[in-house]
Amino acid sequence: DQVEALSNAMVSFTKYIPKEVVKDMLAAGRGVAELGMEPAHLCVMFSDIAKFTSICESVTPKDLSYLLNAYFSRCVGILVRHNATVDKFIGDAIMAFWG
């Protein structure tokens, strides 16, 4: 059924891209992602944890994993609520963009 397939695709796609971006793409008739480039104005954010190396040296790997998961989960939630696209995690850093 096409409706169910579209619904499943939306759920999958919105794991990585904010729902509003997906809705805008569909409204603009761009329901299929294509490989390519186009000029765009973006706002890019990089964020990392101050003194991360010192933190790593003072906690167990299990505790570090817990801290990073908590930090990333909270930050990603905030970014998504503000319509950011989280591009990648680089060690303790997050790269996100708008636009």
C-alpha atoms as a PDB file:
ATOM      1  CA  ASP A   1       0.000   0.000   0.000  1.00  0.00           C
ATOM      2  CA  GLN A   2       1.479   3.377  -1.044  1.00  0.00           C
ATOM      3  CA  VAL A   3       0.217   5.285   1.985  1.00  0.00           C
ATOM      4  CA  GLU A   4       1.869   2.828   4.369  1.00  0.00           C
ATOM      5  CA  ALA A   5       5.115   2.902   2.355  1.00  0.00           C
ATOM      6  CA  LEU A   6       5.138   6.706   2.444  1.00  0.00           C
ATOM      7  CA  SER A   7       4.445   6.689   6.170  1.00  0.00           C
ATOM      8  CA  ASN A   8       7.309   4.234   6.781  1.00  0.00           C
ATOM      9  CA  ALA A   9       9.635   6.334   4.620  1.00  0.00           C
ATOM     10  CA  MET A  10       8.715   9.472   6.583  1.00  0.00           C
ATOM     11  CA  VAL A  11       9.459   7.748   9.886  1.00  0.00           C
ATOM     12  CA  SER A  12      12.844   6.546   8.586  1.00  0.00           C
ATOM     13  CA  PHE A  13      13.776   9.856   6.994  1.00  0.00           C
ATOM     14  CA  THR A  14      12.824  11.946  10.022  1.00  0.00           C
ATOM     15  CA  LYS A  15      15.290  10.001  12.169  1.00  0.00           C
ATOM     16  CA  TYR A  16      17.985  11.989  10.378  1.00  0.00           C
ATOM     17  CA  ILE A  17      16.253  15.102   9.067  1.00  0.00           C
ATOM     18  CA  PRO A  18      13.810  17.364  10.949  1.00  0.00           C
ATOM     19  CA  LYS A  19      10.159  16.686  10.140  1.00  0.00           C
ATOM     20  CA  GLU A  20       9.646  20.261   8.933  1.00  0.00           C
ATOM     21  CA  VAL A  21      12.434  19.844   6.363  1.00  0.00           C
ATOM     22  CA  VAL A  22      10.853  16.610   5.104  1.00  0.00           C
ATOM     23  CA  LYS A  23       7.422  18.258   4.913  1.00  0.00           C
ATOM     24  CA  ASP A  24       8.905  21.226   3.014  1.00  0.00           C
ATOM     25  CA  MET A  25      10.607  18.850   0.562  1.00  0.00           C
ATOM     26  CA  LEU A  26       7.355  16.988  -0.073  1.00  0.00           C
ATOM     27  CA  ALA A  27       5.386  20.240  -0.433  1.00  0.00           C
ATOM     28  CA  ALA A  28       7.932  21.463  -2.996  1.00  0.00           C
ATOM     29  CA  GLY A  29       7.559  18.243  -4.980  1.00  0.00           C
ATOM     30  CA  ARG A  30      11.002  17.011  -3.952  1.00  0.00           C
ATOM     31  CA  GLY A  31       9.932  13.729  -2.373  1.00  0.00           C
ATOM     32  CA  VAL A  32      12.889  11.833  -3.789  1.00  0.00           C
ATOM     33  CA  ALA A  33      16.349  12.701  -2.513  1.00  0.00           C
ATOM     34  CA  GLU A  34      18.869  13.081  -5.320  1.00  0.00           C
ATOM     35  CA  LEU A  35      22.625  13.182  -5.279  1.00  0.00           C
ATOM     36  CA  GLY A  36      23.839  16.606  -6.295  1.00  0.00           C
ATOM     37  CA  MET A  37      24.733  20.084  -5.146  1.00  0.00           C
ATOM     38  CA  GLU A  38      23.176  23.501  -5.250  1.00  0.00           C
ATOM     39  CA  PRO A  39      24.213  26.820  -3.731  1.00  0.00           C
ATOM     40  CA  ALA A  40      22.652  27.487  -0.335  1.00  0.00           C
ATOM     41  CA  HIS A  41      22.993  29.810   2.618  1.00  0.00           C
ATOM     42  CA  LEU A  42      23.487  27.823   5.813  1.00  0.00           C
ATOM     43  CA  CYS A  43      24.171  28.437   9.446  1.00  0.00           C
ATOM     44  CA  VAL A  44      26.603  25.802  10.771  1.00  0.00           C
ATOM     45  CA  MET A  45      27.185  24.999  14.429  1.00  0.00           C
ATOM     46  CA  PHE A  46      30.069  23.092  15.955  1.00  0.00           C
ATOM     47  CA  SER A  47      29.918  22.239  19.645  1.00  0.00           C
ATOM     48  CA  ASP A  48      32.289  20.265  21.828  1.00  0.00           C
ATOM     49  CA  ILE A  49      32.880  19.600  25.508  1.00  0.00           C
ATOM     50  CA  ALA A  50      35.391  21.859  27.254  1.00  0.00           C
ATOM     51  CA  LYS A  51      38.273  19.955  28.897  1.00  0.00           C
ATOM     52  CA  PHE A  52      37.066  16.665  27.406  1.00  0.00           C
ATOM     53  CA  THR A  53      40.522  15.061  27.560  1.00  0.00           C
ATOM     54  CA  SER A  54      40.739  15.774  31.302  1.00  0.00           C
ATOM     55  CA  ILE A  55      37.270  14.325  31.801  1.00  0.00           C
ATOM     56  CA  CYS A  56      38.275  11.169  29.904  1.00  0.00           C
ATOM     57  CA  GLU A  57      41.279  10.720  32.160  1.00  0.00           C
ATOM     58  CA  SER A  58      39.219  10.989  35.336  1.00  0.00           C
ATOM     59  CA  VAL A  59      36.262   8.648  34.669  1.00  0.00           C
ATOM     60  CA  THR A  60      35.796   5.008  33.712  1.00  0.00           C
ATOM     61  CA  PRO A  61      34.953   4.123  30.094  1.00  0.00           C
ATOM     62  CA  LYS A  62      31.466   3.078  31.219  1.00  0.00           C
ATOM     63  CA  ASP A  63      30.874   6.430  32.932  1.00  0.00           C
ATOM     64  CA  LEU A  64      32.283   8.294  29.933  1.00  0.00           C
ATOM     65  CA  SER A  65      29.901   6.436  27.635  1.00  0.00           C
ATOM     66  CA  TYR A  66      26.981   7.336  29.904  1.00  0.00           C
ATOM     67  CA  LEU A  67      28.031  11.013  30.005  1.00  0.00           C
ATOM     68  CA  LEU A  68      28.447  11.245  26.220  1.00  0.00           C
ATOM     69  CA  ASN A  69      25.109   9.541  25.569  1.00  0.00           C
ATOM     70  CA  ALA A  70      23.357  11.903  27.975  1.00  0.00           C
ATOM     71  CA  TYR A  71      25.089  14.955  26.449  1.00  0.00           C
ATOM     72  CA  PHE A  72      24.401  13.946  22.846  1.00  0.00           C
ATOM     73  CA  SER A  73      20.786  12.981  23.557  1.00  0.00           C
ATOM     74  CA  ARG A  74      20.050  16.291  25.233  1.00  0.00           C
ATOM     75  CA  CYS A  75      21.829  18.383  22.581  1.00  0.00           C
ATOM     76  CA  VAL A  76      20.237  16.546  19.660  1.00  0.00           C
ATOM     77  CA  GLY A  77      16.792  16.977  21.209  1.00  0.00           C
ATOM     78  CA  ILE A  78      17.342  20.720  21.503  1.00  0.00           C
ATOM     79  CA  LEU A  79      18.755  20.997  17.980  1.00  0.00           C
ATOM     80  CA  VAL A  80      15.865  19.058  16.435  1.00  0.00           C
ATOM     81  CA  ARG A  81      13.301  21.196  18.298  1.00  0.00           C
ATOM     82  CA  HIS A  82      14.966  24.202  16.669  1.00  0.00           C
ATOM     83  CA  ASN A  83      14.817  22.614  13.183  1.00  0.00           C
ATOM     84  CA  ALA A  84      18.534  21.878  12.904  1.00  0.00           C
ATOM     85  CA  THR A  85      19.905  18.993  10.888  1.00  0.00           C
ATOM     86  CA  VAL A  86      22.493  17.090  12.906  1.00  0.00           C
ATOM     87  CA  ASP A  87      25.210  16.303  10.395  1.00  0.00           C
ATOM     88  CA  LYS A  88      27.731  14.317  12.418  1.00  0.00           C
ATOM     89  CA  PHE A  89      29.382  13.520  15.693  1.00  0.00           C
ATOM     90  CA  ILE A  90      33.155  13.939  15.797  1.00  0.00           C
ATOM     91  CA  GLY A  91      34.498  12.522  19.056  1.00  0.00           C
ATOM     92  CA  ASP A  92      32.876  14.738  21.666  1.00  0.00           C
ATOM     93  CA  ALA A  93      31.753  17.299  19.074  1.00  0.00           C
ATOM     94  CA  ILE A  94      28.457  17.804  17.268  1.00  0.00           C
ATOM     95  CA  MET A  95      28.097  19.445  13.860  1.00  0.00           C
ATOM     96  CA  ALA A  96      24.647  20.718  12.922  1.00  0.00           C
ATOM     97  CA  PHE A  97      23.230  23.148  10.407  1.00  0.00           C
ATOM     98  CA  TRP A  98      20.154  25.150   9.493  1.00  0.00           C
ATOM     99  CA  GLY A  99      19.086  26.190   6.025  1.00  0.00           C
END
